[in-house]
Amino acid sequence: MERPDVDELVPPDRTLMGPGPSEVHPRVLRAAGTPLVGHLDPAFVEIMDEVQDLLRYVFRTDNQWTIPVSGTGSASMEAAIGNLTEPGDTVLVPGNGYFGERMAEMVRRAGGDVVTVEAPWGEPLDPADVADAFDQHQPDLFGFVHAETSTGALQPDVPELTGIAHDHDALVIADTVTSLGGVELRVDEWNVDVAYAGPQKCLSCPPGASPLTLSDRAMDKVLTREEPVRSWYLDLSLLQEYWGEERAYHHTAPITNVYALREALRLVAEEGIEARWERHEHVASALKAGVEAMGLALNPEDDYWLPSLNAVRLPEGVDDGAVIDALLDDHGIEVAGGLGDLAGDVLRIGCMGHSARPTNVFALLAGLGDALETQGADVDPDAGLAAARRALAE
């Protein structure tokens, strides 16, 4: 084989307004470029402690078992589901979006029996339907998606859902991938047993070290399983020896990713978690006002609109792929199309973390207006920009 002749790495400079990753803050990039130490070095052990404390702050929890899983958000998802699901367990999962379907697949691979509570894509679960599903199936675990990335719908009534589950002695697993650090989330107050997330959304951090938190009750289930977890790498009974008091070797942690996550979480703490929730809602409200004034509509109703991920319905006859390509090629802006039941019908526009800035909203609205007008859509980009400015001034 001949030696490859590869040029220096110079990736394009994009404005990231899709469902993730979001733009990374310059301070996070600098932290990722600092020198490595060993994963058991006393200096790194101190960093591990700091990351855990910062994660507890962002999750709004006092859970001891709060760690970054070495891997993308799907790794923390599989760690949560795979460790809590024992063969033969019945697990209730949502049927209202793509990531509920991924939950179901992970449950099956862990040996669990899947039952589903349904809702149309783009709508949240109805607590009455959840209660009926519990009465009918008596599940051991209940998983729900707090912020469904595929539909732009936020799940309200979380304390009501967790109350239903706990009344039936079931544990609750929450997908907070697109809400952690950007949308109100209170793990302890809402009685969520397990929550997992990804760092590349509202935390604006490169993927690679993914937040996970478990209550004592959830960790007790992990530590008293009759059969070992099917994944050695994601076995929390082993990982707790590394992230617990012992700091015993399990694997080589992604040191650079942990550095980056620490700085991203430090930015959240400096801003203040509640102020950060408010910033996301304020900037996303301008995006929402802009697309609506332009003549478009969002997929979810206002009552469960998800500020961090806006599913914008496309006019009839518009090619979503052409709009996505035009935004990327002509304006350097990344957005994404719909998934599953919404494929071809919506654009998924993120407003997360460092990307949730007024300049990005204005650039997106202007570029979107251009791309739609090119396809003959009846839209008013000027009205959209004016509405966004008014919303930001409020």
Protein backbone atom coordinates (compact mmCIF):
# COMPACT_ATOMS: atom_id res chain seq x y z
CA MET A 1 0.00 0.00 0.00
CA GLU A 2 1.31 3.45 -0.90
CA ARG A 3 1.75 6.10 1.74
CA PRO A 4 -1.33 8.37 1.77
CA ASP A 5 -0.75 12.01 0.91
CA VAL A 6 -3.19 13.86 3.18
CA ASP A 7 -3.35 17.63 3.55
CA GLU A 8 -3.39 19.50 6.84
CA LEU A 9 -6.77 19.33 8.57
CA VAL A 10 -8.78 22.48 7.84
CA PRO A 11 -12.49 21.76 8.44
CA PRO A 12 -15.02 24.36 7.25
CA ASP A 13 -16.20 27.00 9.71
CA ARG A 14 -19.93 26.28 10.04
CA THR A 15 -22.69 27.97 12.00
CA LEU A 16 -24.15 24.95 13.77
CA MET A 17 -27.93 25.35 14.11
CA GLY A 18 -28.97 21.73 13.71
CA PRO A 19 -29.95 19.13 16.32
CA GLY A 20 -26.33 18.78 17.43
CA PRO A 21 -23.51 19.27 17.75
CA SER A 22 -23.82 22.92 18.68
CA GLU A 23 -21.03 25.45 18.42
CA VAL A 24 -18.28 24.93 20.98
CA HIS A 25 -17.28 27.88 23.15
CA PRO A 26 -13.67 29.03 22.56
CA ARG A 27 -12.83 28.38 26.21
CA VAL A 28 -13.90 24.76 25.81
CA LEU A 29 -11.74 24.36 22.73
CA ARG A 30 -8.77 25.78 24.62
CA ALA A 31 -9.36 23.40 27.52
CA ALA A 32 -9.40 20.46 25.10
CA GLY A 33 -6.00 21.53 23.79
CA THR A 34 -4.22 21.50 27.15
CA PRO A 35 -1.58 18.84 27.99
CA LEU A 36 -2.63 15.33 28.91
CA VAL A 37 -2.02 13.72 32.26
CA GLY A 38 -2.63 10.09 33.14
CA HIS A 39 -6.15 8.95 33.87
CA LEU A 40 -5.09 7.96 37.42
CA ASP A 41 -2.82 10.97 37.98
CA PRO A 42 -3.71 12.77 41.25
CA ALA A 43 -4.31 15.93 39.21
CA PHE A 44 -6.82 14.13 37.01
CA VAL A 45 -8.53 12.57 40.04
CA GLU A 46 -9.11 16.12 41.30
CA ILE A 47 -10.56 17.07 37.91
CA MET A 48 -12.87 14.05 38.10
CA ASP A 49 -14.19 15.28 41.44
CA GLU A 50 -14.79 18.74 40.01
CA VAL A 51 -16.62 17.38 36.98
CA GLN A 52 -18.90 15.30 39.20
CA ASP A 53 -19.74 18.32 41.38
CA LEU A 54 -20.46 20.43 38.31
CA LEU A 55 -22.66 17.72 36.81
CA ARG A 56 -24.66 17.54 40.04
CA TYR A 57 -25.24 21.29 39.79
CA VAL A 58 -26.45 21.11 36.19
CA PHE A 59 -28.66 18.04 36.78
CA ARG A 60 -29.98 19.69 39.99
CA THR A 61 -29.22 16.59 42.04
CA ASP A 62 -27.29 15.41 45.07
CA ASN A 63 -26.87 11.92 43.59
CA GLN A 64 -23.54 10.37 44.50
CA TRP A 65 -23.60 8.33 41.28
CA THR A 66 -23.17 11.21 38.84
CA ILE A 67 -20.47 10.68 36.20
CA PRO A 68 -19.47 11.32 32.61
CA VAL A 69 -19.63 8.08 30.65
CA SER A 70 -16.73 7.60 28.23
CA GLY A 71 -18.53 7.84 24.90
CA THR A 72 -21.20 9.79 23.08
CA GLY A 73 -24.72 10.38 24.39
CA SER A 74 -25.75 6.98 23.06
CA ALA A 75 -23.19 5.44 25.43
CA SER A 76 -24.74 7.11 28.48
CA MET A 77 -28.16 6.06 27.14
CA GLU A 78 -27.07 2.46 26.82
CA ALA A 79 -25.37 2.57 30.22
CA ALA A 80 -28.63 3.70 31.81
CA ILE A 81 -30.90 1.25 30.02
CA GLY A 82 -28.51 -1.69 29.93
CA ASN A 83 -27.65 -1.52 33.63
CA LEU A 84 -31.21 -1.03 34.87
CA THR A 85 -32.83 -3.59 32.58
CA GLU A 86 -32.45 -7.19 33.70
CA PRO A 87 -33.55 -10.11 31.48
CA GLY A 88 -37.28 -10.53 31.85
CA ASP A 89 -37.95 -7.01 33.13
CA THR A 90 -40.92 -5.23 31.60
CA VAL A 91 -40.01 -1.73 30.44
CA LEU A 92 -42.53 0.92 29.40
CA VAL A 93 -41.16 3.25 26.70
CA PRO A 94 -42.68 6.10 24.69
CA GLY A 95 -43.91 5.70 21.13
CA ASN A 96 -43.97 9.39 20.23
CA GLY A 97 -40.55 9.87 18.65
CA TYR A 98 -37.36 8.42 17.22
CA PHE A 99 -35.49 8.25 20.49
CA GLY A 100 -38.28 6.40 22.25
CA GLU A 101 -37.82 3.79 19.53
CA ARG A 102 -34.10 3.69 20.29
CA MET A 103 -34.93 3.13 23.96
CA ALA A 104 -37.04 0.15 22.95
CA GLU A 105 -34.25 -1.35 20.87
CA MET A 106 -31.77 -1.04 23.73
CA VAL A 107 -34.23 -2.66 26.13
CA ARG A 108 -34.65 -5.63 23.78
CA ARG A 109 -30.90 -6.07 23.47
CA ALA A 110 -30.61 -6.03 27.27
CA GLY A 111 -33.14 -8.87 27.48
CA GLY A 112 -36.12 -6.83 28.61
CA ASP A 113 -39.72 -6.98 27.41
CA VAL A 114 -40.90 -3.76 25.75
CA VAL A 115 -44.36 -2.26 26.17
CA THR A 116 -45.21 1.11 24.66
CA VAL A 117 -47.31 4.11 25.61
CA GLU A 118 -48.30 5.88 22.40
CA ALA A 119 -48.76 9.50 21.37
CA PRO A 120 -48.57 11.15 17.95
CA TRP A 121 -45.11 12.24 16.88
CA GLY A 122 -44.71 15.84 18.01
CA GLU A 123 -46.96 15.47 21.06
CA PRO A 124 -45.99 14.58 24.64
CA LEU A 125 -47.18 11.57 26.59
CA ASP A 126 -50.53 11.98 28.33
CA PRO A 127 -50.23 11.09 32.05
CA ALA A 128 -53.60 9.34 31.84
CA ASP A 129 -52.26 7.06 29.11
CA VAL A 130 -49.14 6.37 31.18
CA ALA A 131 -51.29 5.48 34.18
CA ASP A 132 -53.38 3.12 32.04
CA ALA A 133 -50.23 1.45 30.70
CA PHE A 134 -48.97 0.92 34.25
CA ASP A 135 -52.26 -0.61 35.34
CA GLN A 136 -52.25 -2.93 32.34
CA HIS A 137 -48.58 -3.99 32.20
CA GLN A 138 -47.09 -3.31 35.68
CA PRO A 139 -43.65 -2.45 34.23
CA ASP A 140 -40.46 -2.59 36.27
CA LEU A 141 -39.01 0.43 34.52
CA PHE A 142 -40.45 3.48 32.77
CA GLY A 143 -38.44 5.49 30.25
CA PHE A 144 -39.47 8.81 28.77
CA VAL A 145 -37.83 11.44 26.57
CA HIS A 146 -37.81 14.82 28.25
CA ALA A 147 -36.85 16.67 25.06
CA GLU A 148 -37.55 14.68 21.89
CA THR A 149 -34.89 15.71 19.37
CA SER A 150 -36.78 14.21 16.45
CA THR A 151 -39.99 16.20 16.94
CA GLY A 152 -39.16 19.33 18.92
CA ALA A 153 -41.60 18.39 21.68
CA LEU A 154 -40.93 18.92 25.39
CA GLN A 155 -42.48 16.51 27.87
CA PRO A 156 -44.39 18.45 30.54
CA ASP A 157 -45.89 16.96 33.72
CA VAL A 158 -42.66 15.15 34.66
CA PRO A 159 -43.44 14.99 38.41
CA GLU A 160 -46.84 13.50 37.57
CA LEU A 161 -45.22 10.84 35.38
CA THR A 162 -42.61 9.92 37.99
CA GLY A 163 -45.32 9.80 40.65
CA ILE A 164 -47.29 7.28 38.60
CA ALA A 165 -44.20 5.12 38.16
CA HIS A 166 -43.20 5.22 41.82
CA ASP A 167 -46.75 4.40 42.93
CA HIS A 168 -46.20 1.15 40.99
CA ASP A 169 -42.70 0.66 42.46
CA ALA A 170 -41.04 1.24 39.09
CA LEU A 171 -37.82 3.12 38.39
CA VAL A 172 -37.80 6.08 35.99
CA ILE A 173 -35.19 6.71 33.27
CA ALA A 174 -35.21 10.12 31.58
CA ASP A 175 -33.60 11.00 28.25
CA THR A 176 -32.36 14.56 28.81
CA VAL A 177 -29.96 14.69 25.87
CA THR A 178 -31.47 17.87 24.38
CA SER A 179 -32.59 19.48 27.64
CA LEU A 180 -29.64 19.28 30.06
CA GLY A 181 -28.19 22.76 30.44
CA GLY A 182 -30.78 24.45 28.23
CA VAL A 183 -34.27 23.63 29.49
CA GLU A 184 -35.56 23.45 33.05
CA LEU A 185 -34.64 20.07 34.51
CA ARG A 186 -34.71 19.20 38.23
CA VAL A 187 -33.74 15.57 38.75
CA ASP A 188 -34.18 15.42 42.52
CA GLU A 189 -37.24 17.66 42.81
CA TRP A 190 -38.98 15.77 40.00
CA ASN A 191 -38.02 12.35 41.45
CA VAL A 192 -36.22 11.09 38.34
CA ASP A 193 -34.21 7.96 39.19
CA VAL A 194 -31.84 7.98 36.21
CA ALA A 195 -31.08 10.71 33.67
CA TYR A 196 -28.62 10.64 30.80
CA ALA A 197 -27.50 13.28 28.32
CA GLY A 198 -24.98 14.18 25.66
CA PRO A 199 -22.44 16.99 25.99
CA GLN A 200 -22.72 18.30 22.41
CA LYS A 201 -26.16 19.86 22.68
CA CYS A 202 -27.00 22.57 25.24
CA LEU A 203 -23.63 22.16 26.99
CA SER A 204 -21.80 23.06 23.75
CA CYS A 205 -19.02 20.55 24.29
CA PRO A 206 -17.45 18.08 21.85
CA PRO A 207 -18.96 14.60 22.14
CA GLY A 208 -17.00 11.98 24.03
CA ALA A 209 -17.82 12.23 27.75
CA SER A 210 -21.57 12.01 28.40
CA PRO A 211 -23.45 12.93 31.59
CA LEU A 212 -25.28 10.28 33.62
CA THR A 213 -26.82 10.39 37.09
CA LEU A 214 -28.44 7.64 39.18
CA SER A 215 -30.29 7.74 42.48
CA ASP A 216 -29.25 5.44 45.31
CA ARG A 217 -32.32 3.31 44.62
CA ALA A 218 -31.36 2.93 40.97
CA MET A 219 -27.76 2.10 41.81
CA ASP A 220 -28.95 -0.50 44.32
CA LYS A 221 -30.71 -2.27 41.45
CA VAL A 222 -27.49 -2.21 39.45
CA LEU A 223 -25.40 -3.61 42.31
CA THR A 224 -27.87 -6.37 43.18
CA ARG A 225 -28.51 -7.73 39.68
CA GLU A 226 -28.77 -11.51 39.39
CA GLU A 227 -26.96 -11.50 36.05
CA PRO A 228 -24.03 -9.27 35.03
CA VAL A 229 -24.64 -6.40 32.64
CA ARG A 230 -24.20 -7.56 29.06
CA SER A 231 -21.72 -4.77 28.32
CA TRP A 232 -18.45 -4.98 30.25
CA TYR A 233 -17.40 -1.50 29.15
CA LEU A 234 -20.62 0.16 30.36
CA ASP A 235 -21.09 -1.96 33.51
CA LEU A 236 -21.74 0.61 36.23
CA SER A 237 -20.88 -1.86 38.97
CA LEU A 238 -17.34 -1.74 37.57
CA LEU A 239 -17.33 1.92 36.60
CA GLN A 240 -18.33 2.94 40.10
CA GLU A 241 -14.97 1.64 41.31
CA TYR A 242 -13.25 4.13 38.99
CA TRP A 243 -15.60 7.08 39.54
CA GLY A 244 -16.26 6.22 43.19
CA GLU A 245 -13.93 6.55 46.16
CA GLU A 246 -11.49 3.84 45.06
CA ARG A 247 -10.46 5.34 41.70
CA ALA A 248 -9.49 1.83 40.66
CA TYR A 249 -8.49 1.25 37.03
CA HIS A 250 -11.29 0.25 34.70
CA HIS A 251 -10.44 1.87 31.36
CA THR A 252 -8.48 4.83 30.07
CA ALA A 253 -10.86 7.76 30.30
CA PRO A 254 -11.04 10.22 27.37
CA ILE A 255 -8.94 12.78 29.22
CA THR A 256 -9.25 15.57 26.67
CA ASN A 257 -13.04 15.16 26.56
CA VAL A 258 -13.22 15.35 30.35
CA TYR A 259 -11.18 18.57 30.25
CA ALA A 260 -13.60 19.98 27.70
CA LEU A 261 -16.65 18.90 29.68
CA ARG A 262 -15.25 20.47 32.84
CA GLU A 263 -14.86 23.83 31.09
CA ALA A 264 -18.30 23.59 29.47
CA LEU A 265 -19.88 22.89 32.86
CA ARG A 266 -17.86 25.70 34.42
CA LEU A 267 -19.39 28.07 31.86
CA VAL A 268 -22.85 26.86 32.89
CA ALA A 269 -22.06 27.48 36.55
CA GLU A 270 -20.72 30.98 35.81
CA GLU A 271 -23.85 31.88 33.87
CA GLY A 272 -26.11 30.25 36.46
CA ILE A 273 -28.32 27.33 35.52
CA GLU A 274 -31.61 29.22 35.78
CA ALA A 275 -30.22 32.18 33.83
CA ARG A 276 -29.05 29.72 31.19
CA TRP A 277 -32.55 28.22 30.92
CA GLU A 278 -33.92 31.75 30.51
CA ARG A 279 -31.35 32.65 27.82
CA HIS A 280 -32.25 29.59 25.76
CA GLU A 281 -35.95 30.40 25.97
CA HIS A 282 -35.41 34.09 25.16
CA VAL A 283 -33.23 33.51 22.09
CA ALA A 284 -35.32 30.58 20.86
CA SER A 285 -38.46 32.68 21.27
CA ALA A 286 -36.97 35.11 18.76
CA LEU A 287 -36.33 32.22 16.35
CA LYS A 288 -39.89 30.98 16.86
CA ALA A 289 -41.36 34.45 16.35
CA GLY A 290 -39.27 34.87 13.22
CA VAL A 291 -40.25 31.67 11.47
CA GLU A 292 -43.92 32.20 12.35
CA ALA A 293 -43.90 35.80 11.07
CA MET A 294 -42.20 34.55 7.92
CA GLY A 295 -45.27 32.38 7.31
CA LEU A 296 -44.13 29.03 8.71
CA ALA A 297 -45.33 26.99 11.67
CA LEU A 298 -43.65 24.86 14.31
CA ASN A 299 -44.65 21.23 14.60
CA PRO A 300 -45.39 21.08 18.35
CA GLU A 301 -48.05 23.13 20.11
CA ASP A 302 -46.93 26.08 22.23
CA ASP A 303 -47.67 24.19 25.46
CA TYR A 304 -44.89 21.71 24.72
CA TRP A 305 -42.59 23.71 22.48
CA LEU A 306 -38.95 22.78 23.01
CA PRO A 307 -36.75 25.90 22.88
CA SER A 308 -33.53 23.99 22.24
CA LEU A 309 -34.88 22.16 19.15
CA ASN A 310 -37.38 23.76 16.82
CA ALA A 311 -39.17 21.52 14.32
CA VAL A 312 -40.26 23.96 11.60
CA ARG A 313 -42.90 22.73 9.17
CA LEU A 314 -42.03 23.25 5.50
CA PRO A 315 -44.50 24.64 2.97
CA GLU A 316 -46.17 22.18 0.64
CA GLY A 317 -43.97 21.22 -2.29
CA VAL A 318 -40.69 22.37 -0.76
CA ASP A 319 -37.79 19.91 -0.93
CA ASP A 320 -36.24 19.72 2.52
CA GLY A 321 -32.95 18.42 1.15
CA ALA A 322 -32.63 21.39 -1.20
CA VAL A 323 -33.23 23.82 1.66
CA ILE A 324 -30.66 22.06 3.85
CA ASP A 325 -28.10 22.10 1.03
CA ALA A 326 -28.72 25.77 0.23
CA LEU A 327 -28.27 26.81 3.84
CA LEU A 328 -25.02 24.88 4.06
CA ASP A 329 -23.57 25.76 0.66
CA ASP A 330 -24.67 29.39 0.41
CA HIS A 331 -24.66 30.48 4.05
CA GLY A 332 -22.49 27.99 5.94
CA ILE A 333 -25.39 27.13 8.26
CA GLU A 334 -26.12 23.56 9.30
CA VAL A 335 -29.68 22.41 10.04
CA ALA A 336 -31.24 18.96 9.66
CA GLY A 337 -34.33 17.34 8.21
CA GLY A 338 -37.00 15.36 9.97
CA LEU A 339 -36.76 11.77 11.18
CA GLY A 340 -39.27 8.93 11.12
CA ASP A 341 -42.86 10.09 10.80
CA LEU A 342 -41.70 13.68 10.18
CA ALA A 343 -39.13 12.91 7.46
CA GLY A 344 -39.49 15.41 4.61
CA ASP A 345 -42.01 17.55 6.51
CA VAL A 346 -39.88 19.59 8.90
CA LEU A 347 -36.51 21.21 9.39
CA ARG A 348 -34.93 20.61 12.78
CA ILE A 349 -33.30 23.84 13.91
CA GLY A 350 -31.30 23.84 17.11
CA CYS A 351 -30.91 26.78 19.46
CA MET A 352 -28.50 25.31 21.98
CA GLY A 353 -25.65 26.38 24.16
CA HIS A 354 -23.13 28.67 22.47
CA SER A 355 -25.22 28.54 19.28
CA ALA A 356 -28.14 30.21 21.09
CA ARG A 357 -27.08 33.75 20.14
CA PRO A 358 -29.05 36.52 18.39
CA THR A 359 -26.54 36.79 15.53
CA ASN A 360 -27.08 33.12 14.70
CA VAL A 361 -30.86 33.54 14.75
CA PHE A 362 -30.71 36.48 12.32
CA ALA A 363 -28.34 34.63 9.99
CA LEU A 364 -30.55 31.54 10.05
CA LEU A 365 -33.75 33.46 9.32
CA ALA A 366 -32.17 35.36 6.45
CA GLY A 367 -30.66 32.24 4.92
CA LEU A 368 -33.85 30.23 5.37
CA GLY A 369 -35.86 32.95 3.69
CA ASP A 370 -33.50 32.94 0.71
CA ALA A 371 -33.58 29.15 0.40
CA LEU A 372 -37.39 29.00 0.54
CA GLU A 373 -37.92 31.85 -1.90
CA THR A 374 -35.60 30.11 -4.36
CA GLN A 375 -38.06 27.19 -4.34
CA GLY A 376 -41.02 29.48 -4.89
CA ALA A 377 -42.39 29.32 -1.33
CA ASP A 378 -44.66 32.19 -0.27
CA VAL A 379 -42.69 33.49 2.72
CA ASP A 380 -41.79 36.94 4.06
CA PRO A 381 -38.18 36.93 5.34
CA ASP A 382 -38.25 40.65 6.22
CA ALA A 383 -41.25 40.13 8.48
CA GLY A 384 -39.45 37.22 10.11
CA LEU A 385 -36.35 39.27 10.86
CA ALA A 386 -38.43 42.15 12.23
CA ALA A 387 -40.38 39.80 14.51
CA ALA A 388 -37.17 38.28 15.82
CA ARG A 389 -35.77 41.70 16.65
CA ARG A 390 -38.94 42.65 18.52
CA ALA A 391 -38.86 39.40 20.49
CA LEU A 392 -35.24 39.93 21.51
CA ALA A 393 -36.03 43.48 22.65
CA GLU A 394 -38.74 42.29 25.06
